[in-house]
């Protein structure tokens, strides 16, 4: 099925949600994609969800799998609804809340200053980088609005597929998500690994943030996008999800 409904250009999203955590070594990549697609129908129907990327990173030293979510929502109210739903109402097993299955989950809901897709989601969104910074300034919203055009234009100049700039007012954090493509190598594993290295080795976008914000870096992780949930496409009769890292990684088997 084709991915429908996702156009390039400015994204009308006021809010975002992110999560990051490590998985137990006993969980295979096949288990991951199966779980993602099995649980999707209960989650991608939440109000206002535009899409979700699922990042997957293999630690180069230990092999630990780092996974999570990168979502955009139309309104702040709807991201708060999703946060409440996953924290209090979603029970994958009797008596077990959704997040209780995982250890040391780092999750946040964000206000979006700007988000922009430069290339089609259906063909060009394969890898994501997530930068997180703490800030101390009381003028974060104003300062991020001023710097957003610079970040957006730099992402376009670099040939990236998407960029988001966001902040968390209560926790005093700033997040920047950039999205890139695999390379054109014929070997899918080479295309994935070279695309990952290219985005990871690019200069961080946090360099554009004003020093006046009082910044400290908290995270800078580049990951494959092992799956994407596509509620807008589903609503139009298109693909419900995509697994653009297959190959080399598996499709779900349900």
Protein backbone atom coordinates (compact mmCIF):
# COMPACT_ATOMS: atom_id res chain seq x y z
CA UNK A 1 0.00 0.00 0.00
CA UNK A 2 1.13 3.55 -0.70
CA UNK A 3 1.80 6.18 1.94
CA UNK A 4 -0.83 8.88 1.44
CA UNK A 5 -1.46 12.35 2.83
CA UNK A 6 1.95 13.50 4.02
CA UNK A 7 3.04 16.53 2.03
CA UNK A 8 6.35 18.36 2.14
CA UNK A 9 6.57 21.85 3.60
CA UNK A 10 5.81 23.35 7.03
CA UNK A 11 4.17 20.86 9.41
CA UNK A 12 1.11 22.05 11.32
CA UNK A 13 2.01 20.56 14.70
CA UNK A 14 2.01 22.34 18.03
CA UNK A 15 3.34 19.47 20.12
CA UNK A 16 5.59 16.42 20.14
CA UNK A 17 6.25 13.38 22.30
CA UNK A 18 9.52 11.47 22.67
CA UNK A 19 10.66 8.39 24.54
CA UNK A 20 14.01 6.62 24.82
CA UNK A 21 14.95 3.40 26.65
CA UNK A 22 17.09 0.30 26.36
CA UNK A 23 15.66 -3.15 25.64
CA UNK A 24 16.49 -6.45 27.25
CA UNK A 25 19.06 -8.44 25.24
CA UNK A 26 16.61 -11.31 24.86
CA UNK A 27 14.34 -9.22 22.60
CA UNK A 28 15.28 -9.70 18.95
CA UNK A 29 14.80 -7.19 16.16
CA UNK A 30 12.04 -9.44 14.80
CA UNK A 31 10.35 -9.31 18.21
CA UNK A 32 10.58 -5.50 18.14
CA UNK A 33 8.90 -5.01 14.77
CA UNK A 34 6.24 -7.59 15.66
CA UNK A 35 5.47 -5.78 18.92
CA UNK A 36 5.34 -2.38 17.21
CA UNK A 37 2.81 -3.48 14.63
CA UNK A 38 0.76 -5.51 17.08
CA UNK A 39 0.37 -2.58 19.48
CA UNK A 40 -0.02 0.15 16.85
CA UNK A 41 -3.82 -0.14 16.29
CA UNK A 42 -4.52 0.71 19.95
CA UNK A 43 -2.19 3.70 19.92
CA UNK A 44 -2.21 5.41 16.53
CA UNK A 45 -5.92 6.19 16.90
CA UNK A 46 -5.24 8.71 19.68
CA UNK A 47 -6.47 12.20 18.78
CA UNK A 48 -4.15 14.44 16.83
CA UNK A 49 -1.24 12.07 16.14
CA UNK A 50 0.40 13.00 12.84
CA UNK A 51 2.97 10.20 12.78
CA UNK A 52 5.47 8.27 14.86
CA UNK A 53 9.04 7.25 14.09
CA UNK A 54 10.48 4.35 16.08
CA UNK A 55 14.25 4.84 16.44
CA UNK A 56 16.51 1.80 16.88
CA UNK A 57 20.17 2.11 17.78
CA UNK A 58 22.64 -0.73 18.38
CA UNK A 59 25.39 0.26 20.83
CA UNK A 60 28.71 -0.29 19.08
CA UNK A 61 30.45 -1.62 22.20
CA UNK A 62 27.78 -3.73 23.91
CA UNK A 63 25.14 -4.40 21.26
CA UNK A 64 22.44 -2.96 23.54
CA UNK A 65 19.33 -1.95 21.59
CA UNK A 66 18.06 1.57 22.26
CA UNK A 67 14.52 2.24 21.10
CA UNK A 68 11.72 4.74 21.72
CA UNK A 69 9.40 7.05 19.83
CA UNK A 70 9.33 10.40 18.01
CA UNK A 71 5.77 11.70 17.53
CA UNK A 72 4.15 14.90 16.30
CA UNK A 73 0.68 16.03 17.46
CA UNK A 74 -1.59 18.78 16.23
CA UNK A 75 -2.23 20.38 19.65
CA UNK A 76 -0.76 20.59 23.14
CA UNK A 77 -4.00 19.18 24.55
CA UNK A 78 -3.69 16.07 22.38
CA UNK A 79 -0.10 15.36 23.38
CA UNK A 80 -1.16 15.63 27.03
CA UNK A 81 -3.97 13.19 26.26
CA UNK A 82 -1.47 10.74 24.74
CA UNK A 83 0.85 11.08 27.73
CA UNK A 84 -2.03 10.34 30.12
CA UNK A 85 -3.26 7.44 27.98
CA UNK A 86 0.10 5.68 27.87
CA UNK A 87 0.81 6.35 31.55
CA UNK A 88 -2.57 5.48 33.07
CA UNK A 89 -4.97 3.79 30.65
CA UNK A 90 -2.98 1.43 28.40
CA UNK A 91 -2.53 -2.09 29.79
CA UNK A 92 -0.69 -4.46 27.37
CA UNK A 93 -1.13 -7.23 29.95
CA UNK A 94 -3.53 -7.51 32.90
CA UNK A 95 -2.34 -5.28 35.73
CA UNK A 96 0.69 -4.03 33.79
CA UNK A 97 0.71 -0.45 32.54
CA UNK A 98 2.38 0.30 29.22
CA UNK A 99 5.58 1.94 30.48
CA UNK A 100 6.01 -0.44 33.41
CA UNK A 101 7.36 -3.08 31.00
CA UNK A 102 10.54 -1.07 30.43
CA UNK A 103 13.38 0.18 32.63
CA UNK A 104 14.61 3.79 32.87
CA UNK A 105 12.28 5.27 30.26
CA UNK A 106 13.17 8.85 29.40
CA UNK A 107 10.02 10.45 28.00
CA UNK A 108 8.88 14.02 27.39
CA UNK A 109 6.05 15.97 25.83
CA UNK A 110 7.14 19.11 23.98
CA UNK A 111 5.93 22.40 22.57
CA UNK A 112 6.96 22.65 18.91
CA UNK A 113 8.52 25.89 17.72
CA UNK A 114 8.76 24.66 14.14
CA UNK A 115 8.74 21.47 12.07
CA UNK A 116 9.32 21.06 8.35
CA UNK A 117 9.43 18.13 5.92
CA UNK A 118 11.74 18.77 2.95
CA UNK A 119 11.39 15.33 1.34
CA UNK A 120 8.53 12.80 1.13
CA UNK A 121 8.01 10.60 4.14
CA UNK A 122 7.24 7.66 1.88
CA UNK A 123 10.73 7.53 0.36
CA UNK A 124 13.20 9.63 2.32
CA UNK A 125 12.71 9.31 6.11
CA UNK A 126 15.09 6.55 7.21
CA UNK A 127 17.34 7.82 10.01
CA UNK A 128 16.84 10.31 12.84
CA UNK A 129 19.08 12.25 15.18
CA UNK A 130 17.83 13.55 18.53
CA UNK A 131 19.68 16.34 20.34
CA UNK A 132 18.52 17.35 23.82
CA UNK A 133 19.75 20.32 25.81
CA UNK A 134 18.84 21.84 29.16
CA UNK A 135 18.34 25.60 29.33
CA UNK A 136 18.11 28.26 32.03
CA UNK A 137 16.77 31.29 30.15
CA UNK A 138 13.28 32.65 30.85
CA UNK A 139 13.04 33.76 27.19
CA UNK A 140 13.25 30.34 25.56
CA UNK A 141 10.09 30.63 23.45
CA UNK A 142 11.11 34.00 22.03
CA UNK A 143 14.72 32.95 21.35
CA UNK A 144 13.73 29.70 19.63
CA UNK A 145 11.30 31.51 17.35
CA UNK A 146 14.15 33.79 16.31
CA UNK A 147 16.56 30.94 15.56
CA UNK A 148 14.07 28.57 13.90
CA UNK A 149 14.53 29.99 10.36
CA UNK A 150 18.30 29.47 10.65
CA UNK A 151 17.89 25.86 11.76
CA UNK A 152 15.26 25.14 9.10
CA UNK A 153 17.33 26.67 6.30
CA UNK A 154 20.49 24.84 7.38
CA UNK A 155 18.64 21.51 7.40
CA UNK A 156 17.39 22.17 3.88
CA UNK A 157 20.86 23.19 2.71
CA UNK A 158 22.28 19.93 4.07
CA UNK A 159 19.73 17.92 2.10
CA UNK A 160 17.94 16.53 5.14
CA UNK A 161 14.43 15.11 5.00
CA UNK A 162 12.93 16.81 8.06
CA UNK A 163 13.76 18.95 11.08
CA UNK A 164 11.86 19.74 14.31
CA UNK A 165 12.67 22.32 16.99
CA UNK A 166 10.85 22.06 20.33
CA UNK A 167 11.07 22.83 24.03
CA UNK A 168 9.75 21.50 27.33
CA UNK A 169 8.84 24.44 29.57
CA UNK A 170 8.45 22.60 32.90
CA UNK A 171 11.61 20.50 32.57
CA UNK A 172 13.56 23.30 30.88
CA UNK A 173 14.76 21.25 27.94
CA UNK A 174 15.16 21.90 24.22
CA UNK A 175 14.95 19.15 21.60
CA UNK A 176 16.08 19.08 17.98
CA UNK A 177 15.15 16.17 15.71
CA UNK A 178 16.67 15.83 12.26
CA UNK A 179 15.83 13.14 9.72
CA UNK A 180 17.95 11.85 6.85
CA UNK A 181 18.06 9.18 4.17
CA UNK A 182 19.90 5.97 3.53
CA UNK A 183 22.60 6.23 0.90
CA UNK A 184 22.10 4.86 -2.61
CA UNK A 185 24.41 1.85 -2.14
CA UNK A 186 23.00 -1.35 -3.62
CA UNK A 187 23.67 -3.35 -0.46
CA UNK A 188 20.86 -2.41 1.99
CA UNK A 189 23.07 -2.87 5.05
CA UNK A 190 25.74 -0.59 3.60
CA UNK A 191 23.12 2.01 2.62
CA UNK A 192 21.72 2.00 6.17
CA UNK A 193 25.07 2.15 7.96
CA UNK A 194 26.48 4.89 5.72
CA UNK A 195 23.33 6.96 6.06
CA UNK A 196 23.53 6.56 9.82
CA UNK A 197 27.17 7.64 9.90
CA UNK A 198 26.51 10.64 7.65
CA UNK A 199 23.80 12.08 9.90
CA UNK A 200 25.67 11.22 13.10
CA UNK A 201 28.88 12.89 11.95
CA UNK A 202 27.24 16.10 10.76
CA UNK A 203 27.70 19.16 12.95
CA UNK A 204 25.03 19.25 15.66
CA UNK A 205 22.19 21.69 15.14
CA UNK A 206 22.54 22.80 18.73
CA UNK A 207 25.39 25.00 17.53
CA UNK A 208 22.74 27.40 16.23
CA UNK A 209 21.11 27.84 19.65
CA UNK A 210 21.91 31.19 21.30
CA UNK A 211 24.38 31.05 24.20
CA UNK A 212 21.92 33.29 26.04
CA UNK A 213 19.77 30.18 26.62
CA UNK A 214 22.30 28.81 29.13
CA UNK A 215 22.67 25.41 27.48
CA UNK A 216 24.04 22.03 28.55
CA UNK A 217 23.91 19.00 26.24
CA UNK A 218 21.96 16.01 27.61
CA UNK A 219 21.73 13.62 24.64
CA UNK A 220 22.88 13.32 21.04
CA UNK A 221 21.82 9.98 19.51
CA UNK A 222 21.44 8.99 15.88
CA UNK A 223 19.26 5.97 15.12
CA UNK A 224 17.70 4.01 12.29
CA UNK A 225 13.94 4.47 11.93
CA UNK A 226 12.87 0.86 12.28
CA UNK A 227 9.18 1.68 11.68
CA UNK A 228 6.84 4.62 11.11
CA UNK A 229 3.19 4.83 12.17
CA UNK A 230 1.11 6.74 9.63
CA UNK A 231 -2.33 7.69 11.00
CA UNK A 232 -3.02 10.25 8.26
CA UNK A 233 -2.25 7.71 5.55
CA UNK A 234 -4.44 5.10 7.26
CA UNK A 235 -7.33 7.56 7.42
CA UNK A 236 -7.06 8.10 3.65
CA UNK A 237 -7.02 4.37 2.89
CA UNK A 238 -3.25 4.13 2.47
CA UNK A 239 -0.52 2.31 4.37
CA UNK A 240 -1.02 2.16 8.14
CA UNK A 241 2.71 1.88 8.80
CA UNK A 242 6.02 1.42 7.02
CA UNK A 243 9.22 -0.50 7.72
CA UNK A 244 11.76 1.33 5.60
CA UNK A 245 14.77 -0.46 7.15
CA UNK A 246 13.55 -3.72 5.67
CA UNK A 247 15.93 -4.92 4.31
CA UNK A 248 18.29 -5.34 6.08
CA UNK A 249 15.94 -5.48 9.09
CA UNK A 250 12.77 -7.58 9.15
CA UNK A 251 9.16 -6.89 8.34
CA UNK A 252 6.67 -7.81 11.10
CA UNK A 253 5.38 -11.37 11.21
CA UNK A 254 2.02 -11.44 12.97
